[in-house]
C-alpha atoms as a PDB file:
ATOM      1  CA  MET A   1     111.469  91.541  78.869  1.00  0.00           C
ATOM      2  CA  SER A   2     108.262  90.268  80.375  1.00  0.00           C
ATOM      3  CA  ALA A   3     108.099  87.623  83.079  1.00  0.00           C
ATOM      4  CA  PRO A   4     107.429  84.076  81.917  1.00  0.00           C
ATOM      5  CA  GLU A   5     103.852  82.913  82.327  1.00  0.00           C
ATOM      6  CA  THR A   6     103.046  79.363  83.377  1.00  0.00           C
ATOM      7  CA  PRO A   7     101.493  77.233  80.636  1.00  0.00           C
ATOM      8  CA  ASP A   8      98.070  77.360  82.338  1.00  0.00           C
ATOM      9  CA  GLY A   9      98.206  81.163  82.622  1.00  0.00           C
ATOM     10  CA  ARG A  10      97.752  81.229  86.396  1.00  0.00           C
ATOM     11  CA  TYR A  11     101.129  82.652  87.387  1.00  0.00           C
ATOM     12  CA  ILE A  12     104.094  84.658  86.242  1.00  0.00           C
ATOM     13  CA  VAL A  13     107.573  83.834  87.508  1.00  0.00           C
ATOM     14  CA  VAL A  14     109.764  86.568  88.969  1.00  0.00           C
ATOM     15  CA  ARG A  15     113.221  85.605  90.263  1.00  0.00           C
ATOM     16  CA  GLY A  16     112.096  81.984  90.442  1.00  0.00           C
ATOM     17  CA  ARG A  17     108.948  82.679  92.456  1.00  0.00           C
ATOM     18  CA  LEU A  18     105.347  82.189  91.288  1.00  0.00           C
ATOM     19  CA  TRP A  19     103.046  85.205  91.486  1.00  0.00           C
ATOM     20  CA  ARG A  20      99.344  84.827  90.776  1.00  0.00           C
ATOM     21  CA  ARG A  21      98.136  86.635  87.668  1.00  0.00           C
ATOM     22  CA  ALA A  22      95.075  88.828  87.521  1.00  0.00           C
ATOM     23  CA  ARG A  23      91.710  87.262  86.789  1.00  0.00           C
ATOM     24  CA  PRO A  24      91.328  86.689  83.044  1.00  0.00           C
ATOM     25  CA  ASP A  25      87.582  87.386  83.219  1.00  0.00           C
ATOM     26  CA  LEU A  26      88.149  91.087  83.952  1.00  0.00           C
ATOM     27  CA  SER A  27      87.412  93.416  81.070  1.00  0.00           C
ATOM     28  CA  GLU A  28      90.303  95.618  79.987  1.00  0.00           C
ATOM     29  CA  ALA A  29      88.488  98.686  81.327  1.00  0.00           C
ATOM     30  CA  GLU A  30      87.824  97.062  84.715  1.00  0.00           C
ATOM     31  CA  ARG A  31      91.394  95.821  84.989  1.00  0.00           C
ATOM     32  CA  ASP A  32      92.735  99.274  84.083  1.00  0.00           C
ATOM     33  CA  ARG A  33      90.508 100.881  86.722  1.00  0.00           C
ATOM     34  CA  ILE A  34      91.644  98.467  89.435  1.00  0.00           C
ATOM     35  CA  VAL A  35      95.305  98.817  88.454  1.00  0.00           C
ATOM     36  CA  GLY A  36      94.863 102.594  88.713  1.00  0.00           C
ATOM     37  CA  ASP A  37      93.435 102.125  92.202  1.00  0.00           C
ATOM     38  CA  LEU A  38      96.387  99.897  93.083  1.00  0.00           C
ATOM     39  CA  MET A  39      98.944 102.431  91.870  1.00  0.00           C
ATOM     40  CA  ARG A  40      97.268 105.244  93.807  1.00  0.00           C
ATOM     41  CA  ALA A  41      97.239 103.065  96.923  1.00  0.00           C
ATOM     42  CA  ARG A  42     100.924 102.227  96.513  1.00  0.00           C
ATOM     43  CA  ARG A  43     101.762 105.922  96.184  1.00  0.00           C
ATOM     44  CA  ALA A  44      99.729 106.544  99.338  1.00  0.00           C
ATOM     45  CA  VAL A  45     101.793 103.894 101.159  1.00  0.00           C
ATOM     46  CA  LYS A  46     104.980 105.682 100.123  1.00  0.00           C
ATOM     47  CA  THR A  47     103.617 109.062 101.187  1.00  0.00           C
ATOM     48  CA  ALA A  48     102.395 107.743 104.544  1.00  0.00           C
ATOM     49  CA  LYS A  49     105.758 106.118 105.242  1.00  0.00           C
ATOM     50  CA  ALA A  50     107.598 109.348 104.414  1.00  0.00           C
ATOM     51  CA  ALA A  51     105.266 111.275 106.733  1.00  0.00           C
ATOM     52  CA  ASP A  52     105.559 108.609 109.449  1.00  0.00           C
ATOM     53  CA  ASP A  53     101.739 108.568 109.566  1.00  0.00           C
ATOM     54  CA  ALA A  54     100.669 105.186 110.956  1.00  0.00           C
ATOM     55  CA  GLU A  55      96.955 105.781 110.412  1.00  0.00           C
ATOM     56  CA  ALA A  56      97.407 106.818 106.774  1.00  0.00           C
ATOM     57  CA  LEU A  57      99.769 103.883 106.246  1.00  0.00           C
ATOM     58  CA  ALA A  58      97.220 101.393 107.565  1.00  0.00           C
ATOM     59  CA  LEU A  59      94.521 102.904 105.343  1.00  0.00           C
ATOM     60  CA  ALA A  60      96.791 102.841 102.279  1.00  0.00           C
ATOM     61  CA  ARG A  61      97.806  99.233 102.912  1.00  0.00           C
ATOM     62  CA  ARG A  62      94.134  98.233 103.159  1.00  0.00           C
ATOM     63  CA  ALA A  63      93.566  99.928  99.789  1.00  0.00           C
ATOM     64  CA  VAL A  64      96.461  97.977  98.245  1.00  0.00           C
ATOM     65  CA  ASP A  65      95.025  94.747  99.647  1.00  0.00           C
ATOM     66  CA  ALA A  66      91.538  95.564  98.333  1.00  0.00           C
ATOM     67  CA  ALA A  67      92.891  96.216  94.833  1.00  0.00           C
ATOM     68  CA  LYS A  68      94.946  93.004  94.887  1.00  0.00           C
ATOM     69  CA  HIS A  69      91.823  91.057  95.925  1.00  0.00           C
ATOM     70  CA  ALA A  70      89.769  92.727  93.165  1.00  0.00           C
ATOM     71  CA  LEU A  71      92.401  91.716  90.603  1.00  0.00           C
ATOM     72  CA  GLY A  72      92.371  88.141  91.902  1.00  0.00           C
ATOM     73  CA  GLU A  73      96.040  88.241  92.901  1.00  0.00           C
ATOM     74  CA  ARG A  74      95.075  87.666  96.541  1.00  0.00           C
ATOM     75  CA  GLY A  75      92.162  85.965  98.233  1.00  0.00           C
ATOM     76  CA  PRO A  76      90.297  83.012  96.765  1.00  0.00           C
ATOM     77  CA  VAL A  77      91.744  81.619  93.542  1.00  0.00           C
ATOM     78  CA  TRP A  78      89.932  82.543  90.344  1.00  0.00           C
ATOM     79  CA  TRP A  79      90.187  79.116  88.736  1.00  0.00           C
ATOM     80  CA  ARG A  80      87.581  76.436  89.386  1.00  0.00           C
ATOM     81  CA  ASP A  81      89.338  73.103  88.902  1.00  0.00           C
ATOM     82  CA  GLY A  82      90.405  72.640  92.518  1.00  0.00           C
ATOM     83  CA  ALA A  83      94.127  73.152  91.854  1.00  0.00           C
ATOM     84  CA  PRO A  84      95.941  74.554  94.895  1.00  0.00           C
ATOM     85  CA  ASP A  85      97.163  78.115  95.164  1.00  0.00           C
ATOM     86  CA  LEU A  86     100.932  78.151  94.721  1.00  0.00           C
ATOM     87  CA  ASN A  87     101.284  81.924  94.939  1.00  0.00           C
ATOM     88  CA  ARG A  88     104.718  82.952  96.257  1.00  0.00           C
ATOM     89  CA  HIS A  89     106.092  79.393  96.058  1.00  0.00           C
ATOM     90  CA  MET A  90     109.433  78.826  94.361  1.00  0.00           C
ATOM     91  CA  ALA A  91     108.674  77.399  90.917  1.00  0.00           C
ATOM     92  CA  ARG A  92     111.297  74.674  91.347  1.00  0.00           C
ATOM     93  CA  ASN A  93     109.293  73.283  94.296  1.00  0.00           C
ATOM     94  CA  THR A  94     105.957  73.039  92.486  1.00  0.00           C
ATOM     95  CA  PRO A  95     104.335  70.999  89.729  1.00  0.00           C
ATOM     96  CA  TYR A  96     105.747  73.673  87.368  1.00  0.00           C
ATOM     97  CA  ALA A  97     109.352  72.603  88.164  1.00  0.00           C
ATOM     98  CA  ASP A  98     110.021  70.797  84.875  1.00  0.00           C
ATOM     99  CA  TRP A  99     108.499  73.613  82.825  1.00  0.00           C
ATOM    100  CA  TYR A 100     110.545  76.175  84.767  1.00  0.00           C
ATOM    101  CA  ALA A 101     113.780  74.198  84.425  1.00  0.00           C
ATOM    102  CA  ALA A 102     113.281  74.108  80.637  1.00  0.00           C
ATOM    103  CA  LEU A 103     113.143  77.900  80.331  1.00  0.00           C
ATOM    104  CA  PRO A 104     116.133  79.596  78.694  1.00  0.00           C
ATOM    105  CA  GLU A 105     118.838  80.880  81.059  1.00  0.00           C
ATOM    106  CA  ASP A 106     117.574  84.455  80.714  1.00  0.00           C
ATOM    107  CA  GLY A 107     114.208  83.355  82.148  1.00  0.00           C
ATOM    108  CA  SER A 108     112.211  84.342  79.096  1.00  0.00           C
ATOM    109  CA  ALA A 109     109.212  82.261  78.150  1.00  0.00           C
ATOM    110  CA  THR A 110     109.366  80.111  75.075  1.00  0.00           C
ATOM    111  CA  GLU A 111     106.605  80.221  72.520  1.00  0.00           C
END
């Protein structure tokens, strides 16, 4: 089951919380490349933690952050209409509250 996507396509909802989606202007190839970078960086975080290597951990976390910025999930918003960034807000406390409340109990999006 995939996470429900807000009607404007800006966020997905996971356990009631909004998470910013990747920039829609990325080509599939570019998105795949960045996601690959992100996955490698996340594996490097895990490895650095297991090795208790603070320097490697800091480097890996910077790589995760860079990939998240490149995807548009962090940093400046990718939309241009002036709407605020509600990333990490609980959906019930945002303008998406009514939409979220209308979702089926299992949290799946309706078509």
